[in-house]
Amino acid sequence: MLDLWFKNAVIYCLDVETFMDRTGDGTGDFVGLTDRLDHLEALGVTCIWLNPFYPSPNRDNGYDITDFYSVDPRLGSLGDYVEFARAARDRGMKVMVDLVCNHTSIDHPWFKSARASKDSPYRDWYVWSEEEPEDITEGIIFPGVQDAVWTHDEQAGAWYMHRFYAHQADLNIANPAVRDEIMRIMGFWLELGVEGFRIDAVPFLIEYKGLKEEPDRDPLLLLSEMRDFLSWRKAGAIMLAEANVKRETVGAYFGGRRFEAAERMHMVFDFPLNQRLWLGLVRGSAEPIREALRTRPRDMPMQGQFAVFLRNHDELSLDKLTEAEREECFAALAPEESMRIYGRGIRRRLAPMLGGDPARLALAQSLLFALPGTPVIWYGDEIGMGERLDLAERKPVRTPMQWSGEPNGGFSEVEPGQLVRPAVEDGTLGFRETNVADQRATQDSLLRKVSKMISVRRACPEIGWGDWSLPDAPEGLLVLRCEWRGGTVVTIHDLSGEGGEVVLDEGAPLVPLLSDDKTGAPIEPGATVRVGPHGFLWLRVGGERR
């Protein structure tokens, strides 16, 4: 029987370089991460997703890789990584890593060889054009920062393609040797304890853009081959796709239909739901969330799963909203131009966008765990960390973890100027007032609330595994009903900020599992259920699961 552990997982994403410094150089490392696994265990995390930690010139937060088979020396050694992976496994946590296989750094030995000679065995590992392409700006990913998607290389005497920055040359997946290498990379990390891959930029991985002649081969076959490889090498290992795509195309990323085995990705991030969720928070209305859920493909393979999130390590993309909806979100969440990026997104953290309001933060976190799918948390959001808008591009949300009120937030003992990135000091969301140590010692802190939410979510497999529905409710209330193997969980969230009520008649008493006001008395069938402003209530029908 397949181990579909991801269906009821709680995934925590972090960047090793900004999590904890134990070697005393101002940069986070695997020794520090291993030391802080107790925090993640107490929080209830079941899977740790690591942002890239491979050797890199670090021009793009580690996504510009020069060696897929090692660890950046700044962060430790392969031995340090293995010790971390073992310690995580001992605590019951799985490890997921970023697999960045649609490009490499131009400093990678493969590209250095490719640019040096047309006879290089690596020349065809990249996408080249002898003549300047007709439209070198078509398909720019980072408008305002990126100038083109083709760059002329003097040494090569040709143009190379890069869907992202010029220092990240695209790999040519039409080349069988490149596809074989991707499998080899996956196999290497599987042997070192990895049980999941978050596949970076999947829509750009499965395209033949820039090739003069496209092969007679469906590019989606690469995802099927990766899935087959995982199935043979390590049963239970999974792939999570970063694919910000429209509803009508997402099915192809899973492959297969309902009651069939998935052929490609195990999980796909639900970007449309994320964007509608934020629109709902801005409007004080549950309708955008209901709309996003209703448009989710229902004819998905049973092994497939959507991953849900509030924020991640990139900008909060609003590209799937209409221009008017996007401006509405900008006005409420990023009123200053410096808070926006690429014309489509917001470069702010969760807590500042919600004004640091404890009630709204708790509501947002409860929503995350109640939405059908697998929740993914960005490090620091469990305490409501702040941001540094003085940092470039997407770095405001990638500051050192705030462990305590001590200098540098307890992240490192070096002088502040030696930190890999400056910590958030000022304001109520800076480390002096918002940190793990203080919140762990405070009964009603956000950290305590999130830990409780995770505990309840893990005890409600209906949300991750079951069928869900949207019972009738007022505009400001989101009511979700999830049912699986005879168990039913109903969750209610008030987005209006005014509170609301709904009549629930499930034919059995409703036993509270989680509430913003600690309500504990069972609710009789047919009773009117009320939640307060920005309140939430989780209920199990008939008490304990049978």
Protein backbone atom coordinates (compact mmCIF):
# COMPACT_ATOMS: atom_id res chain seq x y z
CA MET A 1 0.00 0.00 0.00
CA LEU A 2 1.32 3.44 -0.93
CA ASP A 3 2.36 5.76 1.88
CA LEU A 4 0.49 8.97 1.08
CA TRP A 5 1.94 10.79 4.09
CA PHE A 6 1.72 14.17 2.35
CA LYS A 7 -2.08 14.10 2.50
CA ASN A 8 -2.06 14.95 6.20
CA ALA A 9 1.33 16.65 6.47
CA VAL A 10 2.24 20.05 7.87
CA ILE A 11 5.14 21.46 5.82
CA TYR A 12 7.48 24.14 7.18
CA CYS A 13 9.68 26.00 4.69
CA LEU A 14 12.93 27.63 5.78
CA ASP A 15 16.19 29.00 4.41
CA VAL A 16 19.19 27.48 6.19
CA GLU A 17 21.25 30.66 5.85
CA THR A 18 18.71 32.76 7.81
CA PHE A 19 17.46 30.21 10.36
CA MET A 20 20.20 29.79 12.98
CA ASP A 21 23.95 30.51 13.09
CA ARG A 22 25.89 28.09 15.27
CA THR A 23 29.35 28.42 13.72
CA GLY A 24 29.63 32.11 14.57
CA ASP A 25 30.13 33.70 11.16
CA GLY A 26 26.79 35.52 10.84
CA THR A 27 25.30 33.02 8.38
CA GLY A 28 22.85 30.29 9.31
CA ASP A 29 24.07 26.72 8.95
CA PHE A 30 23.02 23.08 9.23
CA VAL A 31 24.50 22.81 12.72
CA GLY A 32 22.24 25.66 13.81
CA LEU A 33 19.22 24.18 12.06
CA THR A 34 19.79 20.83 13.76
CA ASP A 35 20.02 22.62 17.09
CA ARG A 36 16.60 24.22 16.53
CA LEU A 37 14.71 21.11 15.46
CA ASP A 38 13.17 21.02 18.93
CA HIS A 39 11.26 24.19 18.03
CA LEU A 40 9.83 22.58 14.90
CA GLU A 41 9.00 19.37 16.74
CA ALA A 42 7.15 21.30 19.45
CA LEU A 43 5.33 23.29 16.78
CA GLY A 44 4.06 20.04 15.28
CA VAL A 45 5.77 20.18 11.88
CA THR A 46 5.89 16.86 10.00
CA CYS A 47 7.99 17.89 6.98
CA ILE A 48 10.79 20.46 6.58
CA TRP A 49 11.20 22.03 3.14
CA LEU A 50 14.66 23.51 2.62
CA ASN A 51 15.25 26.36 0.21
CA PRO A 52 18.39 25.77 -1.96
CA PHE A 53 21.48 25.09 0.12
CA TYR A 54 23.78 24.02 -2.72
CA PRO A 55 27.05 25.77 -3.71
CA SER A 56 26.15 29.03 -5.42
CA PRO A 57 27.41 32.55 -6.19
CA ASN A 58 24.21 33.48 -4.32
CA ARG A 59 23.01 36.11 -6.76
CA ASP A 60 19.45 34.74 -6.45
CA ASN A 61 19.14 33.41 -2.89
CA GLY A 62 20.82 30.15 -3.87
CA TYR A 63 18.65 29.38 -6.89
CA ASP A 64 21.71 29.96 -9.10
CA ILE A 65 23.46 26.64 -8.50
CA THR A 66 27.04 25.62 -9.36
CA ASP A 67 26.96 22.09 -7.91
CA PHE A 68 23.82 19.99 -7.42
CA TYR A 69 25.66 17.35 -5.41
CA SER A 70 26.99 19.28 -2.44
CA VAL A 71 26.33 21.88 0.27
CA ASP A 72 27.36 25.52 0.13
CA PRO A 73 30.45 25.71 2.41
CA ARG A 74 28.93 28.76 4.11
CA LEU A 75 26.17 26.50 5.43
CA GLY A 76 28.29 23.49 6.40
CA SER A 77 29.26 20.19 4.84
CA LEU A 78 27.48 17.15 3.46
CA GLY A 79 28.23 15.55 6.81
CA ASP A 80 26.41 18.38 8.59
CA TYR A 81 23.45 17.90 6.25
CA VAL A 82 23.33 14.16 6.96
CA GLU A 83 23.40 14.81 10.72
CA PHE A 84 20.48 17.20 10.27
CA ALA A 85 18.51 14.71 8.15
CA ARG A 86 19.05 11.97 10.72
CA ALA A 87 18.02 14.23 13.61
CA ALA A 88 14.86 15.28 11.73
CA ARG A 89 13.98 11.65 11.00
CA ASP A 90 14.48 10.78 14.68
CA ARG A 91 11.85 13.41 15.49
CA GLY A 92 9.41 12.03 12.94
CA MET A 93 9.96 14.84 10.41
CA LYS A 94 10.54 14.25 6.72
CA VAL A 95 12.90 16.37 4.61
CA MET A 96 11.95 18.03 1.32
CA VAL A 97 14.49 19.94 -0.78
CA ASP A 98 14.27 22.36 -3.67
CA LEU A 99 15.04 20.73 -7.02
CA VAL A 100 16.07 23.55 -9.36
CA CYS A 101 16.52 21.83 -12.70
CA ASN A 102 15.37 24.25 -15.37
CA HIS A 103 18.58 26.31 -15.16
CA THR A 104 22.06 26.53 -13.65
CA SER A 105 24.35 29.38 -12.70
CA ILE A 106 26.55 30.57 -15.56
CA ASP A 107 29.39 29.77 -13.14
CA HIS A 108 28.48 26.07 -13.19
CA PRO A 109 31.23 23.88 -14.74
CA TRP A 110 28.70 22.62 -17.29
CA PHE A 111 28.05 26.12 -18.62
CA LYS A 112 31.72 27.08 -18.46
CA SER A 113 32.51 24.10 -20.67
CA ALA A 114 29.53 24.81 -22.96
CA ARG A 115 30.54 28.41 -23.61
CA ALA A 116 34.20 27.51 -24.18
CA SER A 117 33.67 25.37 -27.29
CA LYS A 118 30.99 24.24 -29.71
CA ASP A 119 32.53 20.78 -29.41
CA SER A 120 31.98 20.65 -25.66
CA PRO A 121 29.88 17.67 -24.52
CA TYR A 122 27.85 20.20 -22.53
CA ARG A 123 27.18 22.60 -25.40
CA ASP A 124 23.77 21.08 -26.11
CA TRP A 125 22.88 21.02 -22.41
CA TYR A 126 21.81 24.66 -22.86
CA VAL A 127 19.65 26.56 -25.33
CA TRP A 128 21.66 28.60 -27.88
CA SER A 129 21.06 30.82 -30.88
CA GLU A 130 23.78 31.81 -33.31
CA GLU A 131 21.79 34.88 -34.37
CA GLU A 132 20.08 37.42 -32.14
CA PRO A 133 16.52 36.13 -31.51
CA GLU A 134 13.74 38.31 -32.90
CA ASP A 135 12.21 39.27 -29.55
CA ILE A 136 14.67 38.92 -26.71
CA THR A 137 12.26 40.51 -24.21
CA GLU A 138 9.31 38.18 -24.80
CA GLY A 139 8.39 36.24 -21.64
CA ILE A 140 10.29 38.30 -19.06
CA ILE A 141 9.60 36.93 -15.55
CA PHE A 142 10.95 39.85 -13.51
CA PRO A 143 9.80 43.08 -15.22
CA GLY A 144 11.67 46.15 -14.07
CA VAL A 145 14.66 44.05 -13.01
CA GLN A 146 15.27 41.65 -15.90
CA ASP A 147 16.12 43.15 -19.30
CA ALA A 148 15.75 40.14 -21.59
CA VAL A 149 15.42 36.37 -21.81
CA TRP A 150 18.39 36.03 -24.17
CA THR A 151 21.95 37.21 -23.52
CA HIS A 152 24.91 37.26 -25.89
CA ASP A 153 27.97 35.47 -24.55
CA GLU A 154 31.23 36.79 -26.01
CA GLN A 155 33.20 33.64 -25.30
CA ALA A 156 30.59 31.36 -26.87
CA GLY A 157 29.94 33.72 -29.76
CA ALA A 158 26.24 32.96 -29.39
CA TRP A 159 23.11 33.89 -27.47
CA TYR A 160 21.93 31.72 -24.57
CA MET A 161 18.42 31.61 -23.19
CA HIS A 162 17.42 32.34 -19.59
CA ARG A 163 13.79 32.60 -18.52
CA PHE A 164 15.03 34.18 -15.30
CA TYR A 165 18.11 36.33 -14.65
CA ALA A 166 20.99 36.51 -17.13
CA HIS A 167 23.24 34.65 -14.69
CA GLN A 168 20.86 31.63 -14.81
CA ALA A 169 21.20 29.79 -18.13
CA ASP A 170 18.32 27.49 -19.08
CA LEU A 171 18.96 23.78 -19.42
CA ASN A 172 17.79 22.01 -22.57
CA ILE A 173 15.37 19.26 -21.50
CA ALA A 174 15.11 18.06 -25.11
CA ASN A 175 18.58 16.60 -24.53
CA PRO A 176 18.32 13.05 -23.07
CA ALA A 177 21.59 13.59 -21.18
CA VAL A 178 20.03 16.52 -19.30
CA ARG A 179 17.00 14.44 -18.39
CA ASP A 180 19.25 11.64 -17.17
CA GLU A 181 21.19 14.10 -15.05
CA ILE A 182 18.00 15.34 -13.38
CA MET A 183 17.25 11.75 -12.33
CA ARG A 184 20.81 11.33 -11.10
CA ILE A 185 20.48 14.43 -8.91
CA MET A 186 17.21 13.14 -7.47
CA GLY A 187 18.75 9.74 -6.81
CA PHE A 188 21.70 11.28 -4.98
CA TRP A 189 19.53 13.17 -2.48
CA LEU A 190 17.14 10.25 -2.03
CA GLU A 191 20.14 8.24 -0.82
CA LEU A 192 20.83 10.99 1.73
CA GLY A 193 17.39 10.81 3.31
CA VAL A 194 15.32 13.20 1.20
CA GLU A 195 11.64 12.17 0.92
CA GLY A 196 10.31 15.03 -1.16
CA PHE A 197 11.27 17.49 -3.88
CA ARG A 198 9.73 20.89 -4.39
CA ILE A 199 10.22 21.31 -8.14
CA ASP A 200 11.08 24.90 -9.01
CA ALA A 201 9.42 26.77 -11.87
CA VAL A 202 7.72 23.71 -13.40
CA PRO A 203 5.94 25.56 -16.27
CA PHE A 204 9.35 26.70 -17.55
CA LEU A 205 10.90 23.28 -17.02
CA ILE A 206 8.45 21.59 -19.40
CA GLU A 207 8.83 23.84 -22.45
CA TYR A 208 10.97 23.83 -25.57
CA LYS A 209 11.09 27.60 -25.90
CA GLY A 210 14.11 28.85 -27.83
CA LEU A 211 14.86 25.65 -29.69
CA LYS A 212 15.03 25.94 -33.47
CA GLU A 213 13.51 22.49 -33.85
CA GLU A 214 11.22 21.07 -31.22
CA PRO A 215 11.52 17.31 -30.67
CA ASP A 216 8.56 15.05 -31.37
CA ARG A 217 8.12 14.42 -27.65
CA ASP A 218 5.58 15.83 -25.18
CA PRO A 219 7.58 17.88 -22.65
CA LEU A 220 5.21 16.65 -19.91
CA LEU A 221 6.84 13.25 -20.31
CA LEU A 222 9.71 14.56 -18.21
CA LEU A 223 7.38 14.84 -15.20
CA SER A 224 6.10 11.32 -15.81
CA GLU A 225 9.66 10.01 -15.98
CA MET A 226 10.56 11.80 -12.76
CA ARG A 227 7.51 10.26 -11.08
CA ASP A 228 8.44 6.77 -12.32
CA PHE A 229 12.00 7.25 -11.10
CA LEU A 230 10.80 8.18 -7.62
CA SER A 231 8.45 5.23 -7.50
CA TRP A 232 11.28 2.80 -8.23
CA ARG A 233 13.96 4.43 -6.09
CA LYS A 234 11.99 5.28 -2.94
CA ALA A 235 8.33 4.43 -2.47
CA GLY A 236 6.64 7.28 -0.63
CA ALA A 237 8.94 10.02 -1.92
CA ILE A 238 6.97 12.86 -3.47
CA MET A 239 7.14 15.87 -5.80
CA LEU A 240 5.52 19.24 -5.13
CA ALA A 241 5.20 21.55 -8.14
CA GLU A 242 5.66 25.29 -8.07
CA ALA A 243 3.21 25.97 -10.88
CA ASN A 244 1.31 29.25 -10.84
CA VAL A 245 -1.07 28.19 -13.60
CA LYS A 246 -4.72 28.58 -14.51
CA ARG A 247 -7.32 26.10 -13.32
CA GLU A 248 -7.88 24.63 -16.78
CA THR A 249 -4.23 23.58 -17.13
CA VAL A 250 -3.36 22.35 -13.63
CA GLY A 251 -4.74 18.86 -14.28
CA ALA A 252 -1.90 18.12 -16.67
CA TYR A 253 0.60 18.59 -13.85
CA PHE A 254 -1.04 15.80 -11.85
CA GLY A 255 -1.81 13.47 -14.73
CA GLY A 256 -4.52 10.84 -14.46
CA ARG A 257 -8.17 11.19 -13.41
CA ARG A 258 -10.25 10.50 -10.33
CA PHE A 259 -9.88 6.91 -9.05
CA GLU A 260 -6.73 6.56 -11.16
CA ALA A 261 -3.10 6.69 -10.07
CA ALA A 262 -1.46 10.08 -10.52
CA GLU A 263 1.13 9.96 -13.29
CA ARG A 264 3.13 13.11 -12.56
CA MET A 265 3.12 15.45 -9.58
CA HIS A 266 1.89 14.38 -6.16
CA MET A 267 1.14 17.97 -5.15
CA VAL A 268 0.73 21.38 -6.80
CA PHE A 269 0.63 24.74 -5.01
CA ASP A 270 -2.83 26.31 -5.23
CA PHE A 271 -1.84 29.81 -6.33
CA PRO A 272 -5.36 30.81 -7.51
CA LEU A 273 -6.78 29.98 -4.07
CA ASN A 274 -3.99 31.91 -2.35
CA GLN A 275 -4.72 35.03 -4.38
CA ARG A 276 -8.49 34.79 -3.83
CA LEU A 277 -7.89 34.24 -0.12
CA TRP A 278 -6.05 37.53 0.12
CA LEU A 279 -8.77 39.28 -1.86
CA GLY A 280 -11.27 37.85 0.64
CA LEU A 281 -9.25 39.12 3.60
CA VAL A 282 -9.11 42.56 2.02
CA ARG A 283 -12.85 42.67 1.26
CA GLY A 284 -13.96 41.00 4.48
CA SER A 285 -15.81 38.49 2.33
CA ALA A 286 -15.64 34.70 2.04
CA GLU A 287 -16.99 34.74 -1.50
CA PRO A 288 -13.59 34.99 -3.29
CA ILE A 289 -12.40 31.92 -1.37
CA ARG A 290 -15.58 30.00 -2.16
CA GLU A 291 -15.17 30.93 -5.81
CA ALA A 292 -11.58 29.66 -5.88
CA LEU A 293 -12.57 26.39 -4.24
CA ARG A 294 -15.53 25.86 -6.57
CA THR A 295 -13.27 26.24 -9.60
CA ARG A 296 -10.77 23.65 -8.34
CA PRO A 297 -10.69 20.61 -10.62
CA ARG A 298 -12.64 17.83 -8.89
CA ASP A 299 -11.71 15.12 -11.39
CA MET A 300 -8.21 14.70 -9.94
CA PRO A 301 -6.39 11.45 -9.16
CA MET A 302 -6.97 10.42 -5.55
CA GLN A 303 -3.22 10.47 -4.93
CA GLY A 304 -3.06 14.13 -6.00
CA GLN A 305 -3.17 16.98 -3.53
CA PHE A 306 -3.15 20.78 -3.54
CA ALA A 307 -0.71 22.58 -1.24
CA VAL A 308 -2.16 25.67 0.44
CA PHE A 309 -0.24 28.60 1.86
CA LEU A 310 -0.49 32.19 3.10
CA ARG A 311 3.00 33.44 2.19
CA ASN A 312 6.16 31.97 0.75
CA HIS A 313 9.76 33.01 0.08
CA ASP A 314 8.85 34.91 -3.11
CA GLU A 315 6.59 37.87 -3.73
CA LEU A 316 2.89 37.47 -2.99
CA SER A 317 1.83 37.14 -6.61
CA LEU A 318 -1.56 38.61 -7.56
CA ASP A 319 -1.23 37.91 -11.26
CA LYS A 320 -4.40 35.78 -11.47
CA LEU A 321 -6.60 38.63 -10.19
CA THR A 322 -8.14 41.24 -12.46
CA GLU A 323 -6.38 44.59 -12.62
CA ALA A 324 -9.10 46.16 -10.45
CA GLU A 325 -8.86 43.34 -7.87
CA ARG A 326 -5.08 43.62 -7.83
CA GLU A 327 -5.24 47.37 -7.21
CA GLU A 328 -7.74 46.73 -4.42
CA CYS A 329 -5.25 44.39 -2.74
CA PHE A 330 -2.35 46.76 -3.35
CA ALA A 331 -4.26 49.63 -1.69
CA ALA A 332 -5.02 47.58 1.43
CA LEU A 333 -1.89 45.44 1.79
CA ALA A 334 0.88 47.43 0.07
CA PRO A 335 -0.16 51.09 -0.06
CA GLU A 336 3.38 52.29 -0.78
CA GLU A 337 5.01 51.65 -4.15
CA SER A 338 8.13 50.32 -2.40
CA MET A 339 6.03 47.45 -1.02
CA ARG A 340 5.19 46.18 -4.52
CA ILE A 341 7.28 44.34 -7.07
CA TYR A 342 7.22 43.22 -10.72
CA GLY A 343 3.88 45.00 -11.25
CA ARG A 344 2.05 41.92 -9.98
CA GLY A 345 3.12 41.21 -6.43
CA ILE A 346 3.76 42.32 -2.87
CA ARG A 347 7.11 41.93 -1.15
CA ARG A 348 5.84 41.93 2.43
CA ARG A 349 5.46 39.37 5.19
CA LEU A 350 2.18 38.05 6.52
CA ALA A 351 2.06 39.93 9.82
CA PRO A 352 2.81 43.44 8.49
CA MET A 353 0.23 43.01 5.73
CA LEU A 354 -2.39 42.35 8.40
CA GLY A 355 -1.23 45.29 10.47
CA GLY A 356 0.11 43.03 13.20
CA ASP A 357 -3.48 42.56 14.39
CA PRO A 358 -3.47 39.46 16.67
CA ALA A 359 -7.08 38.54 15.83
CA ARG A 360 -6.57 38.76 12.06
CA LEU A 361 -3.28 36.86 12.28
CA ALA A 362 -4.91 34.04 14.25
CA LEU A 363 -7.82 34.00 11.77
CA ALA A 364 -5.44 33.76 8.79
CA GLN A 365 -3.48 30.93 10.38
CA SER A 366 -6.66 29.02 11.25
CA LEU A 367 -7.85 29.48 7.65
CA LEU A 368 -4.58 28.02 6.37
CA PHE A 369 -5.07 24.80 8.32
CA ALA A 370 -8.79 24.53 7.55
CA LEU A 371 -8.52 24.79 3.76
CA PRO A 372 -8.71 21.47 1.88
CA GLY A 373 -5.16 20.45 1.06
CA THR A 374 -1.75 20.31 2.72
CA PRO A 375 -0.69 23.46 4.65
CA VAL A 376 2.74 25.00 4.02
CA ILE A 377 4.17 27.52 6.52
CA TRP A 378 6.90 30.09 5.81
CA TYR A 379 9.41 30.28 8.67
CA GLY A 380 8.73 33.04 11.18
CA ASP A 381 5.06 33.35 10.34
CA GLU A 382 4.26 31.20 13.37
CA ILE A 383 5.31 34.15 15.53
CA GLY A 384 4.29 37.01 13.21
CA MET A 385 7.79 38.15 12.18
CA GLY A 386 8.36 41.55 10.63
CA GLU A 387 10.06 42.61 7.38
CA ARG A 388 12.91 44.79 6.06
CA LEU A 389 11.62 46.85 3.15
CA ASP A 390 15.05 48.46 2.79
CA LEU A 391 16.31 45.18 1.30
CA ALA A 392 16.20 44.58 -2.46
CA GLU A 393 13.58 42.66 -4.44
CA ARG A 394 12.23 39.65 -2.49
CA LYS A 395 14.68 39.85 0.41
CA PRO A 396 12.38 41.75 2.84
CA VAL A 397 10.73 38.42 3.76
CA ARG A 398 14.06 36.54 4.04
CA THR A 399 15.51 38.06 7.22
CA PRO A 400 17.06 36.12 10.15
CA MET A 401 14.70 34.12 12.35
CA GLN A 402 13.73 35.98 15.52
CA TRP A 403 14.56 33.59 18.36
CA SER A 404 14.80 36.00 21.29
CA GLY A 405 15.05 39.63 22.34
CA GLU A 406 18.84 39.38 22.50
CA PRO A 407 21.09 41.11 19.93
CA ASN A 408 20.41 39.93 16.37
CA GLY A 409 17.26 38.27 17.67
CA GLY A 410 19.35 35.38 19.04
CA PHE A 411 20.15 34.31 15.48
CA SER A 412 23.90 34.96 15.72
CA GLU A 413 26.46 36.37 18.16
CA VAL A 414 28.37 38.41 15.57
CA GLU A 415 28.17 42.17 15.20
CA PRO A 416 25.02 43.25 13.31
CA GLY A 417 27.05 44.37 10.31
CA GLN A 418 28.40 40.82 9.86
CA LEU A 419 24.98 39.18 9.49
CA VAL A 420 24.13 37.46 6.21
CA ARG A 421 21.12 39.78 6.14
CA PRO A 422 20.07 42.45 8.66
CA ALA A 423 17.53 41.39 11.27
CA VAL A 424 14.21 43.15 11.83
CA GLU A 425 14.83 45.37 14.85
CA ASP A 426 12.28 48.17 14.92
CA GLY A 427 8.60 48.18 15.78
CA THR A 428 6.33 45.68 17.45
CA LEU A 429 7.18 43.02 14.85
CA GLY A 430 10.94 43.36 15.34
CA PHE A 431 12.86 40.80 17.39
CA ARG A 432 12.77 42.82 20.62
CA GLU A 433 9.00 42.45 20.86
CA THR A 434 8.29 39.49 18.58
CA ASN A 435 10.37 36.37 19.12
CA VAL A 436 10.13 32.66 19.87
CA ALA A 437 11.36 32.81 23.48
CA ASP A 438 8.82 35.39 24.63
CA GLN A 439 5.94 33.75 22.79
CA ARG A 440 6.80 30.31 24.11
CA ALA A 441 6.50 31.76 27.62
CA THR A 442 3.21 33.59 26.90
CA GLN A 443 0.04 31.54 27.22
CA ASP A 444 -2.03 33.38 24.59
CA SER A 445 0.76 34.08 22.06
CA LEU A 446 0.48 33.49 18.32
CA LEU A 447 3.08 30.72 18.58
CA ARG A 448 0.99 28.88 21.17
CA LYS A 449 -2.13 29.32 19.04
CA VAL A 450 -0.47 28.06 15.87
CA SER A 451 0.96 25.05 17.72
CA LYS A 452 -2.55 24.22 18.95
CA MET A 453 -3.95 24.66 15.43
CA ILE A 454 -1.38 22.25 14.02
CA SER A 455 -2.18 19.70 16.71
CA VAL A 456 -5.89 19.88 15.87
CA ARG A 457 -5.24 19.87 12.11
CA ARG A 458 -3.16 16.69 12.37
CA ALA A 459 -6.04 15.08 14.28
CA CYS A 460 -8.44 16.00 11.44
CA PRO A 461 -7.38 13.86 8.44
CA GLU A 462 -10.77 14.65 6.91
CA ILE A 463 -9.34 18.01 5.78
CA GLY A 464 -6.40 16.48 3.94
CA TRP A 465 -8.02 13.27 2.73
CA GLY A 466 -11.74 13.84 2.53
CA ASP A 467 -14.40 15.27 0.27
CA TRP A 468 -15.33 18.83 1.08
CA SER A 469 -18.35 21.03 0.56
CA LEU A 470 -19.39 24.63 1.15
CA PRO A 471 -22.58 24.84 3.24
CA ASP A 472 -24.68 27.96 2.79
CA ALA A 473 -23.45 30.85 4.91
CA PRO A 474 -23.52 34.67 5.02
CA GLU A 475 -21.06 36.50 2.79
CA GLY A 476 -18.61 37.19 5.60
CA LEU A 477 -18.48 33.60 6.88
CA LEU A 478 -16.53 30.76 5.31
CA VAL A 479 -18.03 27.42 6.34
CA LEU A 480 -16.25 24.25 5.19
CA ARG A 481 -17.43 20.69 5.69
CA CYS A 482 -14.89 17.89 5.24
CA GLU A 483 -15.87 14.21 5.39
CA TRP A 484 -13.77 11.05 5.27
CA ARG A 485 -14.32 7.47 6.44
CA GLY A 486 -17.29 8.29 8.62
CA GLY A 487 -15.71 11.36 10.21
CA THR A 488 -16.91 14.91 9.58
CA VAL A 489 -15.26 18.21 10.50
CA VAL A 490 -16.92 21.61 10.06
CA THR A 491 -14.91 24.84 10.27
CA ILE A 492 -16.26 28.39 10.43
CA HIS A 493 -14.25 31.58 9.88
CA ASP A 494 -15.42 35.19 10.00
CA LEU A 495 -13.69 37.38 7.45
CA SER A 496 -16.05 40.33 7.86
CA GLY A 497 -14.64 41.49 11.17
CA GLU A 498 -18.20 41.84 12.44
CA GLY A 499 -18.92 38.27 13.49
CA GLY A 500 -21.76 36.18 12.16
CA GLU A 501 -23.95 33.15 12.67
CA VAL A 502 -25.02 30.07 10.77
CA VAL A 503 -27.42 27.19 11.43
CA LEU A 504 -25.76 23.77 11.28
CA ASP A 505 -27.92 20.66 11.33
CA GLU A 506 -25.64 17.65 11.01
CA GLY A 507 -28.00 15.26 12.81
CA ALA A 508 -25.61 14.88 15.74
CA PRO A 509 -24.05 17.12 18.40
CA LEU A 510 -21.12 19.28 17.26
CA VAL A 511 -18.11 19.05 19.55
CA PRO A 512 -15.74 22.06 19.48
CA LEU A 513 -12.12 21.24 18.64
CA LEU A 514 -10.65 24.71 18.24
CA SER A 515 -11.93 28.23 18.82
CA ASP A 516 -10.67 31.76 19.15
CA ASP A 517 -12.67 32.12 22.39
CA LYS A 518 -12.01 28.63 23.84
CA THR A 519 -15.65 27.60 23.57
CA GLY A 520 -15.96 24.00 24.75
CA ALA A 521 -19.62 23.03 25.17
CA PRO A 522 -21.17 20.68 22.57
CA ILE A 523 -23.66 22.28 20.18
CA GLU A 524 -26.96 20.53 19.60
CA PRO A 525 -28.16 19.72 16.05
CA GLY A 526 -30.02 22.56 14.40
CA ALA A 527 -28.64 25.18 16.77
CA THR A 528 -27.49 28.58 15.62
CA VAL A 529 -23.71 28.80 15.80
CA ARG A 530 -22.12 32.21 16.24
CA VAL A 531 -18.51 33.35 15.91
CA GLY A 532 -17.22 36.75 16.95
CA PRO A 533 -15.36 39.36 14.87
CA HIS A 534 -12.47 37.64 13.05
CA GLY A 535 -13.43 34.54 15.02
CA PHE A 536 -13.13 30.90 14.08
CA LEU A 537 -14.56 27.61 15.27
CA TRP A 538 -13.66 24.01 14.41
CA LEU A 539 -16.28 21.36 15.13
CA ARG A 540 -16.39 17.58 14.91
CA VAL A 541 -19.74 16.01 14.18
CA GLY A 542 -20.68 13.48 16.86
CA GLY A 543 -17.48 13.76 18.86
CA GLU A 544 -14.49 11.43 18.43
CA ARG A 545 -13.84 9.79 15.06
CA ARG A 546 -15.13 6.24 14.84
